[in-house]
């Protein structure tokens, strides 16, 4: 497009963008693409999910946040309670970082606004 620098130049201007894209492409395929794929992995988040709640989407959310760099690669996996991952700890902090980057209220609560991003 006229007036825009080449994609490689834009990527170079934002630290970590290439690495985040590489990690995101490494996520398992869902048969969907782009945002639809991410939302599909986080299905079940139509209600609000707060720290300490059991939520089956916690593991998929952790993978996605690792891929975009909001959750450290060595962060502990979500704890299981009755076989269901619990949303808490480092995962809540990573969601807050994600929300802050996307100009959302950084409260760590997962709702429709957070999933839409």
C-alpha atoms as a PDB file:
ATOM      1  CA  UNK A   1       0.000   0.000   0.000  1.00  0.00           C
ATOM      2  CA  UNK A   2       1.205   3.432  -0.811  1.00  0.00           C
ATOM      3  CA  UNK A   3       2.249   5.453   2.223  1.00  0.00           C
ATOM      4  CA  UNK A   4       2.995   2.429   4.400  1.00  0.00           C
ATOM      5  CA  UNK A   5       6.496   1.070   4.929  1.00  0.00           C
ATOM      6  CA  UNK A   6       7.089  -2.533   3.837  1.00  0.00           C
ATOM      7  CA  UNK A   7       5.860  -5.156   6.285  1.00  0.00           C
ATOM      8  CA  UNK A   8       9.401  -6.184   7.227  1.00  0.00           C
ATOM      9  CA  UNK A   9      10.153  -2.568   8.207  1.00  0.00           C
ATOM     10  CA  UNK A  10       7.019  -2.325  10.340  1.00  0.00           C
ATOM     11  CA  UNK A  11       7.857  -5.623  12.057  1.00  0.00           C
ATOM     12  CA  UNK A  12      11.388  -4.420  12.771  1.00  0.00           C
ATOM     13  CA  UNK A  13       9.989  -1.259  14.396  1.00  0.00           C
ATOM     14  CA  UNK A  14       8.058  -3.250  17.019  1.00  0.00           C
ATOM     15  CA  UNK A  15      10.326  -5.389  19.191  1.00  0.00           C
ATOM     16  CA  UNK A  16       9.329  -9.029  19.423  1.00  0.00           C
ATOM     17  CA  UNK A  17       6.687  -9.022  16.683  1.00  0.00           C
ATOM     18  CA  UNK A  18       8.441 -11.553  14.475  1.00  0.00           C
ATOM     19  CA  UNK A  19       9.071 -13.875  17.415  1.00  0.00           C
ATOM     20  CA  UNK A  20       5.440 -13.596  18.588  1.00  0.00           C
ATOM     21  CA  UNK A  21       4.191 -14.412  15.092  1.00  0.00           C
ATOM     22  CA  UNK A  22       6.548 -17.391  14.867  1.00  0.00           C
ATOM     23  CA  UNK A  23       5.292 -18.740  18.201  1.00  0.00           C
ATOM     24  CA  UNK A  24       1.659 -18.171  17.246  1.00  0.00           C
ATOM     25  CA  UNK A  25       2.147 -20.103  13.995  1.00  0.00           C
ATOM     26  CA  UNK A  26       3.554 -22.990  16.040  1.00  0.00           C
ATOM     27  CA  UNK A  27       0.259 -23.466  17.928  1.00  0.00           C
ATOM     28  CA  UNK A  28      -1.694 -26.603  17.001  1.00  0.00           C
ATOM     29  CA  UNK A  29      -4.091 -26.132  14.065  1.00  0.00           C
ATOM     30  CA  UNK A  30      -7.818 -25.910  14.727  1.00  0.00           C
ATOM     31  CA  UNK A  31      -9.105 -25.894  11.146  1.00  0.00           C
ATOM     32  CA  UNK A  32      -9.719 -22.164  11.541  1.00  0.00           C
ATOM     33  CA  UNK A  33      -7.410 -19.252  10.912  1.00  0.00           C
ATOM     34  CA  UNK A  34      -6.487 -15.954  12.512  1.00  0.00           C
ATOM     35  CA  UNK A  35      -8.622 -14.609  15.315  1.00  0.00           C
ATOM     36  CA  UNK A  36     -11.263 -17.272  14.750  1.00  0.00           C
ATOM     37  CA  UNK A  37      -8.711 -19.942  15.646  1.00  0.00           C
ATOM     38  CA  UNK A  38      -7.718 -18.162  18.832  1.00  0.00           C
ATOM     39  CA  UNK A  39     -11.298 -17.642  19.881  1.00  0.00           C
ATOM     40  CA  UNK A  40     -12.114 -21.283  19.162  1.00  0.00           C
ATOM     41  CA  UNK A  41      -9.298 -22.398  21.474  1.00  0.00           C
ATOM     42  CA  UNK A  42     -10.743 -20.188  24.181  1.00  0.00           C
ATOM     43  CA  UNK A  43     -14.332 -21.334  23.726  1.00  0.00           C
ATOM     44  CA  UNK A  44     -16.362 -21.263  26.879  1.00  0.00           C
ATOM     45  CA  UNK A  45     -15.272 -17.787  27.921  1.00  0.00           C
ATOM     46  CA  UNK A  46     -18.556 -16.101  27.106  1.00  0.00           C
ATOM     47  CA  UNK A  47     -19.119 -15.583  30.814  1.00  0.00           C
ATOM     48  CA  UNK A  48     -16.617 -13.831  33.029  1.00  0.00           C
ATOM     49  CA  UNK A  49     -13.811 -15.947  34.409  1.00  0.00           C
ATOM     50  CA  UNK A  50     -12.118 -14.680  37.561  1.00  0.00           C
ATOM     51  CA  UNK A  51      -8.992 -15.706  39.402  1.00  0.00           C
ATOM     52  CA  UNK A  52      -9.435 -18.957  41.308  1.00  0.00           C
ATOM     53  CA  UNK A  53     -12.223 -20.322  39.107  1.00  0.00           C
ATOM     54  CA  UNK A  54     -11.958 -23.693  37.418  1.00  0.00           C
ATOM     55  CA  UNK A  55     -12.017 -23.108  33.673  1.00  0.00           C
ATOM     56  CA  UNK A  56     -11.310 -25.631  30.926  1.00  0.00           C
ATOM     57  CA  UNK A  57      -9.925 -22.869  28.679  1.00  0.00           C
ATOM     58  CA  UNK A  58      -7.030 -22.093  31.036  1.00  0.00           C
ATOM     59  CA  UNK A  59      -4.559 -24.387  29.269  1.00  0.00           C
ATOM     60  CA  UNK A  60      -5.366 -23.001  25.789  1.00  0.00           C
ATOM     61  CA  UNK A  61      -5.181 -19.464  27.144  1.00  0.00           C
ATOM     62  CA  UNK A  62      -1.746 -20.155  28.643  1.00  0.00           C
ATOM     63  CA  UNK A  63      -0.484 -21.450  25.273  1.00  0.00           C
ATOM     64  CA  UNK A  64      -1.794 -18.382  23.470  1.00  0.00           C
ATOM     65  CA  UNK A  65      -0.316 -15.950  25.994  1.00  0.00           C
ATOM     66  CA  UNK A  66       3.045 -17.740  25.771  1.00  0.00           C
ATOM     67  CA  UNK A  67       2.902 -17.416  21.981  1.00  0.00           C
ATOM     68  CA  UNK A  68       2.425 -13.650  22.126  1.00  0.00           C
ATOM     69  CA  UNK A  69       4.953 -13.157  24.928  1.00  0.00           C
ATOM     70  CA  UNK A  70       2.657 -12.177  27.796  1.00  0.00           C
ATOM     71  CA  UNK A  71       3.309 -15.403  29.723  1.00  0.00           C
ATOM     72  CA  UNK A  72       6.882 -16.526  30.342  1.00  0.00           C
ATOM     73  CA  UNK A  73       7.862 -19.782  28.645  1.00  0.00           C
ATOM     74  CA  UNK A  74       8.820 -21.286  31.999  1.00  0.00           C
ATOM     75  CA  UNK A  75       5.635 -20.261  33.830  1.00  0.00           C
ATOM     76  CA  UNK A  76       3.891 -23.022  35.742  1.00  0.00           C
ATOM     77  CA  UNK A  77       1.003 -24.743  33.960  1.00  0.00           C
ATOM     78  CA  UNK A  78      -2.468 -24.135  35.403  1.00  0.00           C
ATOM     79  CA  UNK A  79      -3.151 -26.214  38.521  1.00  0.00           C
ATOM     80  CA  UNK A  80      -5.826 -28.899  38.162  1.00  0.00           C
ATOM     81  CA  UNK A  81      -8.814 -29.067  40.491  1.00  0.00           C
ATOM     82  CA  UNK A  82     -11.016 -32.112  39.998  1.00  0.00           C
ATOM     83  CA  UNK A  83      -9.353 -32.601  36.604  1.00  0.00           C
ATOM     84  CA  UNK A  84     -10.153 -29.058  35.392  1.00  0.00           C
ATOM     85  CA  UNK A  85      -7.462 -26.343  35.100  1.00  0.00           C
ATOM     86  CA  UNK A  86      -7.804 -23.418  37.497  1.00  0.00           C
ATOM     87  CA  UNK A  87      -7.392 -19.866  36.214  1.00  0.00           C
ATOM     88  CA  UNK A  88      -4.939 -18.194  38.585  1.00  0.00           C
ATOM     89  CA  UNK A  89      -1.387 -17.208  39.483  1.00  0.00           C
ATOM     90  CA  UNK A  90       0.982 -16.285  36.661  1.00  0.00           C
ATOM     91  CA  UNK A  91      -1.835 -16.732  34.147  1.00  0.00           C
ATOM     92  CA  UNK A  92      -3.859 -13.904  35.726  1.00  0.00           C
ATOM     93  CA  UNK A  93      -0.773 -11.649  35.651  1.00  0.00           C
ATOM     94  CA  UNK A  94      -0.237 -12.501  31.971  1.00  0.00           C
ATOM     95  CA  UNK A  95      -3.878 -11.659  31.188  1.00  0.00           C
ATOM     96  CA  UNK A  96      -3.410  -8.299  32.925  1.00  0.00           C
ATOM     97  CA  UNK A  97      -0.366  -7.595  30.725  1.00  0.00           C
ATOM     98  CA  UNK A  98      -2.381  -8.582  27.638  1.00  0.00           C
ATOM     99  CA  UNK A  99      -5.285  -6.370  28.688  1.00  0.00           C
ATOM    100  CA  UNK A 100      -2.989  -3.430  29.341  1.00  0.00           C
ATOM    101  CA  UNK A 101      -1.343  -3.796  25.909  1.00  0.00           C
ATOM    102  CA  UNK A 102      -4.789  -3.767  24.295  1.00  0.00           C
ATOM    103  CA  UNK A 103      -6.078  -0.734  26.236  1.00  0.00           C
ATOM    104  CA  UNK A 104      -8.547  -2.828  28.235  1.00  0.00           C
ATOM    105  CA  UNK A 105      -9.177  -2.588  31.951  1.00  0.00           C
ATOM    106  CA  UNK A 106      -6.267  -4.618  33.338  1.00  0.00           C
ATOM    107  CA  UNK A 107      -8.239  -6.454  36.021  1.00  0.00           C
ATOM    108  CA  UNK A 108      -7.309 -10.029  35.036  1.00  0.00           C
ATOM    109  CA  UNK A 109     -10.963 -10.934  34.542  1.00  0.00           C
ATOM    110  CA  UNK A 110     -11.604 -12.758  31.272  1.00  0.00           C
ATOM    111  CA  UNK A 111     -14.751 -11.555  29.579  1.00  0.00           C
ATOM    112  CA  UNK A 112     -16.006 -10.930  26.062  1.00  0.00           C
ATOM    113  CA  UNK A 113     -13.795  -7.833  25.622  1.00  0.00           C
ATOM    114  CA  UNK A 114     -10.631  -9.742  26.415  1.00  0.00           C
ATOM    115  CA  UNK A 115     -11.550 -12.713  24.219  1.00  0.00           C
ATOM    116  CA  UNK A 116     -12.406 -10.393  21.319  1.00  0.00           C
ATOM    117  CA  UNK A 117      -8.813  -9.151  21.268  1.00  0.00           C
END
